[in-house]
Amino acid sequence: MSEWPNCPKCNSEYTYEDGSLYVCPECAHEWTAEAVEKPESETVVNDSNGNALTDGDSVSVIKDLKVKGSSSVLKMGTKVKNIRLVEGDHNIDCKIDGFGAMKLKSEFVKKI
C-alpha cells in the first residue's frame, strides 16, 4: 500500500515519514531508516574459556563469588542449569538451588 516500511514494533502498515524518522500513528514508535535497513545483530556471549553460550545451556561457576546483599558465598563448581542470556553487564539470568534467581557475568562461568 505505501512505500514506507511497516512499523517494527506493532507491524502497522500506516507509517509515515517525518524528516529523517519514520513514525507509526498507531503505537507512536519512531525509528530511523538505518534501523530498518540494518537488522539487529545478535551479540555473542562467551564463557571464560571462549565457548559461545546459548539460552538453555548448563554452566559451572569457576571461582567463589560473593553474593551482594547476603552473607553467603556462591562456591566454585556450583552447577547452573537452563541459563537465559540477557543484555547488560551481568548477561546471564538463572536460578540457583539454595540461592534463587541471580544474575551472573559470563566471565565467571564455564560451559559444561
PDB file of N, CA and C in Angstrom:
ATOM      1  N   MET A   1       0.822  -1.184   0.000  1.00  0.00           N
ATOM      2  CA  MET A   1       0.000   0.000   0.000  1.00  0.00           C
ATOM      3  C   MET A   1       0.870   1.253   0.000  1.00  0.00           C
ATOM      4  N   SER A   2       1.865   1.328   0.873  1.00  0.00           N
ATOM      5  CA  SER A   2       2.723   2.512   0.919  1.00  0.00           C
ATOM      6  C   SER A   2       4.156   2.113   0.605  1.00  0.00           C
ATOM      7  N   GLU A   3       4.958   3.134   0.314  1.00  0.00           N
ATOM      8  CA  GLU A   3       6.361   2.890   0.017  1.00  0.00           C
ATOM      9  C   GLU A   3       7.202   2.815   1.279  1.00  0.00           C
ATOM     10  N   TRP A   4       6.611   3.141   2.424  1.00  0.00           N
ATOM     11  CA  TRP A   4       7.342   3.125   3.681  1.00  0.00           C
ATOM     12  C   TRP A   4       7.236   1.759   4.347  1.00  0.00           C
ATOM     13  N   PRO A   5       8.232   1.405   5.155  1.00  0.00           N
ATOM     14  CA  PRO A   5       8.214   0.079   5.807  1.00  0.00           C
ATOM     15  C   PRO A   5       7.167   0.001   6.914  1.00  0.00           C
ATOM     16  N   ASN A   6       6.738  -1.209   7.208  1.00  0.00           N
ATOM     17  CA  ASN A   6       5.824  -1.429   8.337  1.00  0.00           C
ATOM     18  C   ASN A   6       6.542  -1.117   9.642  1.00  0.00           C
ATOM     19  N   CYS A   7       5.779  -0.799  10.659  1.00  0.00           N
ATOM     20  CA  CYS A   7       6.334  -0.493  11.973  1.00  0.00           C
ATOM     21  C   CYS A   7       7.013  -1.738  12.542  1.00  0.00           C
ATOM     22  N   PRO A   8       8.276  -1.638  13.004  1.00  0.00           N
ATOM     23  CA  PRO A   8       8.945  -2.806  13.571  1.00  0.00           C
ATOM     24  C   PRO A   8       8.389  -3.221  14.924  1.00  0.00           C
ATOM     25  N   LYS A   9       7.648  -2.331  15.580  1.00  0.00           N
ATOM     26  CA  LYS A   9       7.121  -2.639  16.904  1.00  0.00           C
ATOM     27  C   LYS A   9       5.754  -3.325  16.829  1.00  0.00           C
ATOM     28  N   CYS A  10       4.838  -2.753  16.052  1.00  0.00           N
ATOM     29  CA  CYS A  10       3.476  -3.310  16.007  1.00  0.00           C
ATOM     30  C   CYS A  10       3.084  -3.822  14.620  1.00  0.00           C
ATOM     31  N   ASN A  11       3.976  -3.692  13.634  1.00  0.00           N
ATOM     32  CA  ASN A  11       3.776  -4.168  12.269  1.00  0.00           C
ATOM     33  C   ASN A  11       2.634  -3.438  11.557  1.00  0.00           C
ATOM     34  N   SER A  12       2.339  -2.217  11.954  1.00  0.00           N
ATOM     35  CA  SER A  12       1.302  -1.421  11.303  1.00  0.00           C
ATOM     36  C   SER A  12       1.778  -0.981   9.924  1.00  0.00           C
ATOM     37  N   GLU A  13       0.865  -0.949   8.972  1.00  0.00           N
ATOM     38  CA  GLU A  13       1.211  -0.518   7.621  1.00  0.00           C
ATOM     39  C   GLU A  13       0.972   0.966   7.412  1.00  0.00           C
ATOM     40  N   TYR A  14       0.453   1.667   8.422  1.00  0.00           N
ATOM     41  CA  TYR A  14       0.098   3.075   8.288  1.00  0.00           C
ATOM     42  C   TYR A  14       1.214   3.999   8.776  1.00  0.00           C
ATOM     43  N   THR A  15       2.440   3.693   8.427  1.00  0.00           N
ATOM     44  CA  THR A  15       3.570   4.521   8.848  1.00  0.00           C
ATOM     45  C   THR A  15       3.731   5.709   7.913  1.00  0.00           C
ATOM     46  N   TYR A  16       4.419   6.743   8.394  1.00  0.00           N
ATOM     47  CA  TYR A  16       4.712   7.898   7.551  1.00  0.00           C
ATOM     48  C   TYR A  16       6.088   8.428   7.898  1.00  0.00           C
ATOM     49  N   GLU A  17       6.612   9.255   7.004  1.00  0.00           N
ATOM     50  CA  GLU A  17       7.949   9.799   7.176  1.00  0.00           C
ATOM     51  C   GLU A  17       7.845  11.212   7.731  1.00  0.00           C
ATOM     52  N   ASP A  18       8.665  11.500   8.738  1.00  0.00           N
ATOM     53  CA  ASP A  18       8.699  12.828   9.343  1.00  0.00           C
ATOM     54  C   ASP A  18      10.157  13.259   9.435  1.00  0.00           C
ATOM     55  N   GLY A  19      10.619  13.976   8.429  1.00  0.00           N
ATOM     56  CA  GLY A  19      12.027  14.361   8.383  1.00  0.00           C
ATOM     57  C   GLY A  19      12.881  13.130   8.118  1.00  0.00           C
ATOM     58  N   SER A  20      13.793  12.818   9.042  1.00  0.00           N
ATOM     59  CA  SER A  20      14.653  11.643   8.872  1.00  0.00           C
ATOM     60  C   SER A  20      14.119  10.423   9.629  1.00  0.00           C
ATOM     61  N   LEU A  21      12.944  10.547  10.231  1.00  0.00           N
ATOM     62  CA  LEU A  21      12.363   9.462  11.022  1.00  0.00           C
ATOM     63  C   LEU A  21      11.122   8.904  10.352  1.00  0.00           C
ATOM     64  N   TYR A  22      10.869   7.636  10.614  1.00  0.00           N
ATOM     65  CA  TYR A  22       9.584   7.030  10.290  1.00  0.00           C
ATOM     66  C   TYR A  22       8.766   7.017  11.574  1.00  0.00           C
ATOM     67  N   VAL A  23       7.454   7.231  11.459  1.00  0.00           N
ATOM     68  CA  VAL A  23       6.576   7.312  12.627  1.00  0.00           C
ATOM     69  C   VAL A  23       5.390   6.387  12.419  1.00  0.00           C
ATOM     70  N   CYS A  24       5.002   5.685  13.479  1.00  0.00           N
ATOM     71  CA  CYS A  24       3.815   4.835  13.461  1.00  0.00           C
ATOM     72  C   CYS A  24       2.698   5.569  14.218  1.00  0.00           C
ATOM     73  N   PRO A  25       1.569   5.875  13.564  1.00  0.00           N
ATOM     74  CA  PRO A  25       0.498   6.584  14.256  1.00  0.00           C
ATOM     75  C   PRO A  25      -0.278   5.709  15.245  1.00  0.00           C
ATOM     76  N   GLU A  26      -0.160   4.400  15.119  1.00  0.00           N
ATOM     77  CA  GLU A  26      -0.912   3.511  15.996  1.00  0.00           C
ATOM     78  C   GLU A  26      -0.245   3.313  17.355  1.00  0.00           C
ATOM     79  N   CYS A  27       1.087   3.143  17.363  1.00  0.00           N
ATOM     80  CA  CYS A  27       1.776   2.908  18.645  1.00  0.00           C
ATOM     81  C   CYS A  27       2.755   4.027  19.008  1.00  0.00           C
ATOM     82  N   ALA A  28       2.880   5.037  18.146  1.00  0.00           N
ATOM     83  CA  ALA A  28       3.745   6.203  18.362  1.00  0.00           C
ATOM     84  C   ALA A  28       5.232   5.854  18.384  1.00  0.00           C
ATOM     85  N   HIS A  29       5.601   4.735  17.771  1.00  0.00           N
ATOM     86  CA  HIS A  29       7.009   4.335  17.696  1.00  0.00           C
ATOM     87  C   HIS A  29       7.696   5.133  16.587  1.00  0.00           C
ATOM     88  N   GLU A  30       8.921   5.596  16.851  1.00  0.00           N
ATOM     89  CA  GLU A  30       9.708   6.320  15.858  1.00  0.00           C
ATOM     90  C   GLU A  30      11.019   5.594  15.653  1.00  0.00           C
ATOM     91  N   TRP A  31      11.484   5.525  14.395  1.00  0.00           N
ATOM     92  CA  TRP A  31      12.742   4.858  14.096  1.00  0.00           C
ATOM     93  C   TRP A  31      13.361   5.497  12.868  1.00  0.00           C
ATOM     94  N   THR A  32      14.654   5.249  12.666  1.00  0.00           N
ATOM     95  CA  THR A  32      15.377   5.814  11.538  1.00  0.00           C
ATOM     96  C   THR A  32      15.414   4.830  10.385  1.00  0.00           C
ATOM     97  N   ALA A  33      15.788   5.321   9.227  1.00  0.00           N
ATOM     98  CA  ALA A  33      15.879   4.469   8.046  1.00  0.00           C
ATOM     99  C   ALA A  33      16.992   3.433   8.219  1.00  0.00           C
ATOM    100  N   GLU A  34      18.065   3.799   8.931  1.00  0.00           N
ATOM    101  CA  GLU A  34      19.165   2.849   9.157  1.00  0.00           C
ATOM    102  C   GLU A  34      18.704   1.666   9.983  1.00  0.00           C
ATOM    103  N   ALA A  35      17.801   1.902  10.910  1.00  0.00           N
ATOM    104  CA  ALA A  35      17.302   0.813  11.755  1.00  0.00           C
ATOM    105  C   ALA A  35      16.519  -0.195  10.936  1.00  0.00           C
ATOM    106  N   VAL A  36      15.878   0.236   9.877  1.00  0.00           N
ATOM    107  CA  VAL A  36      15.122  -0.667   9.012  1.00  0.00           C
ATOM    108  C   VAL A  36      16.067  -1.482   8.149  1.00  0.00           C
ATOM    109  N   GLU A  37      17.089  -0.824   7.621  1.00  0.00           N
ATOM    110  CA  GLU A  37      17.992  -1.488   6.694  1.00  0.00           C
ATOM    111  C   GLU A  37      18.960  -2.438   7.391  1.00  0.00           C
ATOM    112  N   LYS A  38      19.341  -2.128   8.623  1.00  0.00           N
ATOM    113  CA  LYS A  38      20.295  -2.951   9.357  1.00  0.00           C
ATOM    114  C   LYS A  38      19.538  -3.784  10.391  1.00  0.00           C
ATOM    115  N   PRO A  39      19.408  -5.082  10.181  1.00  0.00           N
ATOM    116  CA  PRO A  39      18.757  -5.891  11.201  1.00  0.00           C
ATOM    117  C   PRO A  39      19.629  -5.952  12.448  1.00  0.00           C
ATOM    118  N   GLU A  40      18.983  -6.143  13.586  1.00  0.00           N
ATOM    119  CA  GLU A  40      19.727  -6.215  14.844  1.00  0.00           C
ATOM    120  C   GLU A  40      20.666  -7.408  14.824  1.00  0.00           C
ATOM    121  N   SER A  41      21.936  -7.151  15.079  1.00  0.00           N
ATOM    122  CA  SER A  41      22.894  -8.234  15.132  1.00  0.00           C
ATOM    123  C   SER A  41      22.907  -8.799  16.544  1.00  0.00           C
ATOM    124  N   GLU A  42      22.892 -10.099  16.616  1.00  0.00           N
ATOM    125  CA  GLU A  42      22.893 -10.722  17.933  1.00  0.00           C
ATOM    126  C   GLU A  42      24.301 -10.705  18.500  1.00  0.00           C
ATOM    127  N   THR A  43      24.404 -10.333  19.745  1.00  0.00           N
ATOM    128  CA  THR A  43      25.701 -10.334  20.390  1.00  0.00           C
ATOM    129  C   THR A  43      26.019 -11.753  20.848  1.00  0.00           C
ATOM    130  N   VAL A  44      27.257 -12.138  20.715  1.00  0.00           N
ATOM    131  CA  VAL A  44      27.688 -13.463  21.115  1.00  0.00           C
ATOM    132  C   VAL A  44      28.229 -13.370  22.531  1.00  0.00           C
ATOM    133  N   VAL A  45      27.720 -14.208  23.417  1.00  0.00           N
ATOM    134  CA  VAL A  45      28.173 -14.239  24.801  1.00  0.00           C
ATOM    135  C   VAL A  45      29.063 -15.460  24.953  1.00  0.00           C
ATOM    136  N   ASN A  46      30.294 -15.235  25.419  1.00  0.00           N
ATOM    137  CA  ASN A  46      31.257 -16.313  25.599  1.00  0.00           C
ATOM    138  C   ASN A  46      31.522 -16.547  27.074  1.00  0.00           C
ATOM    139  N   ASP A  47      31.835 -17.809  27.418  1.00  0.00           N
ATOM    140  CA  ASP A  47      32.205 -18.120  28.794  1.00  0.00           C
ATOM    141  C   ASP A  47      33.676 -17.794  29.014  1.00  0.00           C
ATOM    142  N   SER A  48      34.218 -18.159  30.148  1.00  0.00           N
ATOM    143  CA  SER A  48      35.604 -17.833  30.482  1.00  0.00           C
ATOM    144  C   SER A  48      36.610 -18.515  29.562  1.00  0.00           C
ATOM    145  N   ASN A  49      36.225 -19.606  28.928  1.00  0.00           N
ATOM    146  CA  ASN A  49      37.118 -20.323  28.012  1.00  0.00           C
ATOM    147  C   ASN A  49      36.919 -19.938  26.557  1.00  0.00           C
ATOM    148  N   GLY A  50      35.984 -19.025  26.273  1.00  0.00           N
ATOM    149  CA  GLY A  50      35.748 -18.587  24.909  1.00  0.00           C
ATOM    150  C   GLY A  50      34.673 -19.370  24.176  1.00  0.00           C
ATOM    151  N   ASN A  51      34.000 -20.296  24.850  1.00  0.00           N
ATOM    152  CA  ASN A  51      32.924 -21.058  24.217  1.00  0.00           C
ATOM    153  C   ASN A  51      31.661 -20.204  24.155  1.00  0.00           C
ATOM    154  N   ALA A  52      30.966 -20.239  23.027  1.00  0.00           N
ATOM    155  CA  ALA A  52      29.733 -19.466  22.872  1.00  0.00           C
ATOM    156  C   ALA A  52      28.626 -20.077  23.721  1.00  0.00           C
ATOM    157  N   LEU A  53      27.892 -19.231  24.433  1.00  0.00           N
ATOM    158  CA  LEU A  53      26.781 -19.675  25.267  1.00  0.00           C
ATOM    159  C   LEU A  53      25.469 -19.385  24.561  1.00  0.00           C
ATOM    160  N   THR A  54      24.471 -20.231  24.798  1.00  0.00           N
ATOM    161  CA  THR A  54      23.129 -20.024  24.266  1.00  0.00           C
ATOM    162  C   THR A  54      22.117 -20.229  25.384  1.00  0.00           C
ATOM    163  N   ASP A  55      20.886 -19.782  25.156  1.00  0.00           N
ATOM    164  CA  ASP A  55      19.823 -19.992  26.135  1.00  0.00           C
ATOM    165  C   ASP A  55      19.629 -21.476  26.377  1.00  0.00           C
ATOM    166  N   GLY A  56      19.472 -21.862  27.640  1.00  0.00           N
ATOM    167  CA  GLY A  56      19.236 -23.251  27.997  1.00  0.00           C
ATOM    168  C   GLY A  56      20.488 -24.051  28.301  1.00  0.00           C
ATOM    169  N   ASP A  57      21.662 -23.470  28.129  1.00  0.00           N
ATOM    170  CA  ASP A  57      22.913 -24.175  28.436  1.00  0.00           C
ATOM    171  C   ASP A  57      23.057 -24.384  29.934  1.00  0.00           C
ATOM    172  N   SER A  58      23.926 -25.321  30.294  1.00  0.00           N
ATOM    173  CA  SER A  58      24.317 -25.532  31.686  1.00  0.00           C
ATOM    174  C   SER A  58      25.754 -25.057  31.842  1.00  0.00           C
ATOM    175  N   VAL A  59      26.016 -24.353  32.938  1.00  0.00           N
ATOM    176  CA  VAL A  59      27.348 -23.820  33.185  1.00  0.00           C
ATOM    177  C   VAL A  59      27.767 -24.137  34.607  1.00  0.00           C
ATOM    178  N   SER A  60      29.052 -23.944  34.876  1.00  0.00           N
ATOM    179  CA  SER A  60      29.616 -24.154  36.199  1.00  0.00           C
ATOM    180  C   SER A  60      30.378 -22.900  36.595  1.00  0.00           C
ATOM    181  N   VAL A  61      30.273 -22.498  37.855  1.00  0.00           N
ATOM    182  CA  VAL A  61      30.960 -21.312  38.367  1.00  0.00           C
ATOM    183  C   VAL A  61      32.438 -21.659  38.554  1.00  0.00           C
ATOM    184  N   ILE A  62      33.351 -20.776  38.091  1.00  0.00           N
ATOM    185  CA  ILE A  62      34.782 -21.101  38.118  1.00  0.00           C
ATOM    186  C   ILE A  62      35.523 -20.534  39.331  1.00  0.00           C
ATOM    187  N   LYS A  63      34.876 -19.665  40.128  1.00  0.00           N
ATOM    188  CA  LYS A  63      35.529 -19.150  41.341  1.00  0.00           C
ATOM    189  C   LYS A  63      34.462 -18.794  42.358  1.00  0.00           C
ATOM    190  N   ASP A  64      34.859 -18.712  43.622  1.00  0.00           N
ATOM    191  CA  ASP A  64      33.921 -18.315  44.666  1.00  0.00           C
ATOM    192  C   ASP A  64      33.464 -16.881  44.418  1.00  0.00           C
ATOM    193  N   LEU A  65      32.150 -16.665  44.467  1.00  0.00           N
ATOM    194  CA  LEU A  65      31.592 -15.342  44.223  1.00  0.00           C
ATOM    195  C   LEU A  65      30.805 -14.875  45.433  1.00  0.00           C
ATOM    196  N   LYS A  66      31.071 -13.662  45.876  1.00  0.00           N
ATOM    197  CA  LYS A  66      30.287 -13.081  46.961  1.00  0.00           C
ATOM    198  C   LYS A  66      28.926 -12.701  46.408  1.00  0.00           C
ATOM    199  N   VAL A  67      27.875 -12.988  47.162  1.00  0.00           N
ATOM    200  CA  VAL A  67      26.522 -12.654  46.746  1.00  0.00           C
ATOM    201  C   VAL A  67      26.162 -11.323  47.380  1.00  0.00           C
ATOM    202  N   LYS A  68      25.894 -10.338  46.554  1.00  0.00           N
ATOM    203  CA  LYS A  68      25.588  -8.995  47.040  1.00  0.00           C
ATOM    204  C   LYS A  68      24.293  -9.023  47.842  1.00  0.00           C
ATOM    205  N   GLY A  69      24.307  -8.423  49.012  1.00  0.00           N
ATOM    206  CA  GLY A  69      23.132  -8.371  49.869  1.00  0.00           C
ATOM    207  C   GLY A  69      22.947  -9.601  50.728  1.00  0.00           C
ATOM    208  N   SER A  70      23.930 -10.485  50.743  1.00  0.00           N
ATOM    209  CA  SER A  70      23.840 -11.709  51.530  1.00  0.00           C
ATOM    210  C   SER A  70      25.205 -12.006  52.133  1.00  0.00           C
ATOM    211  N   SER A  71      25.210 -12.756  53.208  1.00  0.00           N
ATOM    212  CA  SER A  71      26.490 -13.121  53.818  1.00  0.00           C
ATOM    213  C   SER A  71      27.030 -14.426  53.243  1.00  0.00           C
ATOM    214  N   SER A  72      26.280 -15.068  52.365  1.00  0.00           N
ATOM    215  CA  SER A  72      26.709 -16.348  51.807  1.00  0.00           C
ATOM    216  C   SER A  72      27.560 -16.147  50.550  1.00  0.00           C
ATOM    217  N   VAL A  73      28.240 -17.213  50.168  1.00  0.00           N
ATOM    218  CA  VAL A  73      29.138 -17.205  49.015  1.00  0.00           C
ATOM    219  C   VAL A  73      28.697 -18.293  48.046  1.00  0.00           C
ATOM    220  N   LEU A  74      28.730 -17.981  46.757  1.00  0.00           N
ATOM    221  CA  LEU A  74      28.452 -18.963  45.717  1.00  0.00           C
ATOM    222  C   LEU A  74      29.762 -19.691  45.441  1.00  0.00           C
ATOM    223  N   LYS A  75      29.830 -20.969  45.784  1.00  0.00           N
ATOM    224  CA  LYS A  75      31.079 -21.730  45.740  1.00  0.00           C
ATOM    225  C   LYS A  75      31.500 -22.097  44.320  1.00  0.00           C
ATOM    226  N   MET A  76      32.799 -22.221  44.131  1.00  0.00           N
ATOM    227  CA  MET A  76      33.354 -22.669  42.873  1.00  0.00           C
ATOM    228  C   MET A  76      32.824 -24.078  42.574  1.00  0.00           C
ATOM    229  N   GLY A  77      32.472 -24.337  41.332  1.00  0.00           N
ATOM    230  CA  GLY A  77      31.977 -25.647  40.935  1.00  0.00           C
ATOM    231  C   GLY A  77      30.466 -25.776  40.996  1.00  0.00           C
ATOM    232  N   THR A  78      29.770 -24.747  41.489  1.00  0.00           N
ATOM    233  CA  THR A  78      28.311 -24.782  41.529  1.00  0.00           C
ATOM    234  C   THR A  78      27.775 -24.880  40.110  1.00  0.00           C
ATOM    235  N   LYS A  79      26.882 -25.851  39.873  1.00  0.00           N
ATOM    236  CA  LYS A  79      26.323 -26.041  38.545  1.00  0.00           C
ATOM    237  C   LYS A  79      25.024 -25.265  38.416  1.00  0.00           C
ATOM    238  N   VAL A  80      24.887 -24.599  37.286  1.00  0.00           N
ATOM    239  CA  VAL A  80      23.711 -23.792  36.992  1.00  0.00           C
ATOM    240  C   VAL A  80      23.106 -24.321  35.704  1.00  0.00           C
ATOM    241  N   LYS A  81      21.836 -24.730  35.773  1.00  0.00           N
ATOM    242  CA  LYS A  81      21.163 -25.294  34.600  1.00  0.00           C
ATOM    243  C   LYS A  81      20.216 -24.272  33.997  1.00  0.00           C
ATOM    244  N   ASN A  82      19.989 -24.417  32.708  1.00  0.00           N
ATOM    245  CA  ASN A  82      18.973 -23.650  31.989  1.00  0.00           C
ATOM    246  C   ASN A  82      19.162 -22.140  32.138  1.00  0.00           C
ATOM    247  N   ILE A  83      20.312 -21.645  31.687  1.00  0.00           N
ATOM    248  CA  ILE A  83      20.577 -20.213  31.766  1.00  0.00           C
ATOM    249  C   ILE A  83      19.797 -19.465  30.693  1.00  0.00           C
ATOM    250  N   ARG A  84      19.635 -18.162  30.905  1.00  0.00           N
ATOM    251  CA  ARG A  84      18.982 -17.297  29.926  1.00  0.00           C
ATOM    252  C   ARG A  84      19.887 -16.100  29.718  1.00  0.00           C
ATOM    253  N   LEU A  85      20.226 -15.804  28.461  1.00  0.00           N
ATOM    254  CA  LEU A  85      21.107 -14.690  28.150  1.00  0.00           C
ATOM    255  C   LEU A  85      20.309 -13.403  28.054  1.00  0.00           C
ATOM    256  N   VAL A  86      20.845 -12.333  28.647  1.00  0.00           N
ATOM    257  CA  VAL A  86      20.195 -11.023  28.646  1.00  0.00           C
ATOM    258  C   VAL A  86      21.245  -9.958  28.313  1.00  0.00           C
ATOM    259  N   GLU A  87      20.775  -8.767  27.992  1.00  0.00           N
ATOM    260  CA  GLU A  87      21.665  -7.640  27.733  1.00  0.00           C
ATOM    261  C   GLU A  87      22.099  -7.026  29.060  1.00  0.00           C
ATOM    262  N   GLY A  88      23.265  -6.437  29.067  1.00  0.00           N
ATOM    263  CA  GLY A  88      23.728  -5.727  30.247  1.00  0.00           C
ATOM    264  C   GLY A  88      25.055  -6.241  30.755  1.00  0.00           C
ATOM    265  N   ASP A  89      25.485  -5.697  31.883  1.00  0.00           N
ATOM    266  CA  ASP A  89      26.758  -6.055  32.479  1.00  0.00           C
ATOM    267  C   ASP A  89      26.744  -7.501  32.973  1.00  0.00           C
ATOM    268  N   HIS A  90      25.700  -7.871  33.684  1.00  0.00           N
ATOM    269  CA  HIS A  90      25.521  -9.255  34.119  1.00  0.00           C
ATOM    270  C   HIS A  90      24.633  -9.908  33.071  1.00  0.00           C
ATOM    271  N   ASN A  91      25.224 -10.665  32.161  1.00  0.00           N
ATOM    272  CA  ASN A  91      24.498 -11.111  30.981  1.00  0.00           C
ATOM    273  C   ASN A  91      23.907 -12.509  31.069  1.00  0.00           C
ATOM    274  N   ILE A  92      23.849 -13.106  32.254  1.00  0.00           N
ATOM    275  CA  ILE A  92      23.222 -14.417  32.434  1.00  0.00           C
ATOM    276  C   ILE A  92      22.185 -14.316  33.552  1.00  0.00           C
ATOM    277  N   ASP A  93      20.947 -14.684  33.252  1.00  0.00           N
ATOM    278  CA  ASP A  93      19.891 -14.815  34.258  1.00  0.00           C
ATOM    279  C   ASP A  93      19.729 -16.297  34.543  1.00  0.00           C
ATOM    280  N   CYS A  94      19.584 -16.670  35.818  1.00  0.00           N
ATOM    281  CA  CYS A  94      19.448 -18.081  36.151  1.00  0.00           C
ATOM    282  C   CYS A  94      18.829 -18.239  37.531  1.00  0.00           C
ATOM    283  N   LYS A  95      18.479 -19.468  37.847  1.00  0.00           N
ATOM    284  CA  LYS A  95      18.037 -19.823  39.190  1.00  0.00           C
ATOM    285  C   LYS A  95      19.026 -20.839  39.728  1.00  0.00           C
ATOM    286  N   ILE A  96      19.489 -20.596  40.934  1.00  0.00           N
ATOM    287  CA  ILE A  96      20.462 -21.489  41.559  1.00  0.00           C
ATOM    288  C   ILE A  96      19.821 -22.070  42.805  1.00  0.00           C
ATOM    289  N   ASP A  97      19.875 -23.391  42.928  1.00  0.00           N
ATOM    290  CA  ASP A  97      19.306 -24.062  44.101  1.00  0.00           C
ATOM    291  C   ASP A  97      19.960 -23.528  45.363  1.00  0.00           C
ATOM    292  N   GLY A  98      19.158 -23.130  46.324  1.00  0.00           N
ATOM    293  CA  GLY A  98      19.661 -22.602  47.579  1.00  0.00           C
ATOM    294  C   GLY A  98      19.873 -21.104  47.577  1.00  0.00           C
ATOM    295  N   PHE A  99      19.892 -20.469  46.386  1.00  0.00           N
ATOM    296  CA  PHE A  99      20.082 -19.030  46.297  1.00  0.00           C
ATOM    297  C   PHE A  99      18.893 -18.332  45.656  1.00  0.00           C
ATOM    298  N   GLY A 100      18.259 -18.967  44.696  1.00  0.00           N
ATOM    299  CA  GLY A 100      17.147 -18.354  43.979  1.00  0.00           C
ATOM    300  C   GLY A 100      17.604 -17.707  42.691  1.00  0.00           C
ATOM    301  N   ALA A 101      16.840 -16.719  42.231  1.00  0.00           N
ATOM    302  CA  ALA A 101      17.148 -16.040  40.974  1.00  0.00           C
ATOM    303  C   ALA A 101      18.386 -15.172  41.135  1.00  0.00           C
ATOM    304  N   MET A 102      19.277 -15.242  40.141  1.00  0.00           N
ATOM    305  CA  MET A 102      20.518 -14.469  40.186  1.00  0.00           C
ATOM    306  C   MET A 102      20.897 -14.021  38.793  1.00  0.00           C
ATOM    307  N   LYS A 103      21.755 -13.025  38.742  1.00  0.00           N
ATOM    308  CA  LYS A 103      22.387 -12.598  37.505  1.00  0.00           C
ATOM    309  C   LYS A 103      23.881 -12.843  37.661  1.00  0.00           C
ATOM    310  N   LEU A 104      24.487 -13.409  36.636  1.00  0.00           N
ATOM    311  CA  LEU A 104      25.912 -13.706  36.657  1.00  0.00           C
ATOM    312  C   LEU A 104      26.604 -13.068  35.466  1.00  0.00           C
ATOM    313  N   LYS A 105      27.890 -12.829  35.612  1.00  0.00           N
ATOM    314  CA  LYS A 105      28.707 -12.390  34.484  1.00  0.00           C
ATOM    315  C   LYS A 105      29.256 -13.630  33.804  1.00  0.00           C
ATOM    316  N   SER A 106      29.281 -13.608  32.488  1.00  0.00           N
ATOM    317  CA  SER A 106      29.724 -14.778  31.738  1.00  0.00           C
ATOM    318  C   SER A 106      31.211 -15.070  31.926  1.00  0.00           C
ATOM    319  N   GLU A 107      31.976 -14.107  32.373  1.00  0.00           N
ATOM    320  CA  GLU A 107      33.412 -14.328  32.574  1.00  0.00           C
ATOM    321  C   GLU A 107      33.713 -15.191  33.801  1.00  0.00           C
ATOM    322  N   PHE A 108      32.713 -15.452  34.640  1.00  0.00           N
ATOM    323  CA  PHE A 108      32.904 -16.267  35.834  1.00  0.00           C
ATOM    324  C   PHE A 108      32.286 -17.650  35.736  1.00  0.00           C
ATOM    325  N   VAL A 109      31.910 -18.072  34.535  1.00  0.00           N
ATOM    326  CA  VAL A 109      31.332 -19.397  34.344  1.00  0.00           C
ATOM    327  C   VAL A 109      32.014 -20.107  33.179  1.00  0.00           C
ATOM    328  N   LYS A 110      31.880 -21.432  33.175  1.00  0.00           N
ATOM    329  CA  LYS A 110      32.346 -22.206  32.023  1.00  0.00           C
ATOM    330  C   LYS A 110      31.232 -23.167  31.626  1.00  0.00           C
ATOM    331  N   LYS A 111      31.141 -23.422  30.332  1.00  0.00           N
ATOM    332  CA  LYS A 111      30.103 -24.291  29.792  1.00  0.00           C
ATOM    333  C   LYS A 111      30.402 -25.734  30.159  1.00  0.00           C
ATOM    334  N   ILE A 112      29.355 -26.466  30.541  1.00  0.00           N
ATOM    335  CA  ILE A 112      29.526 -27.876  30.906  1.00  0.00           C
ATOM    336  C   ILE A 112      29.289 -28.734  29.682  1.00  0.00           C
TER     337      ILE A 112
END
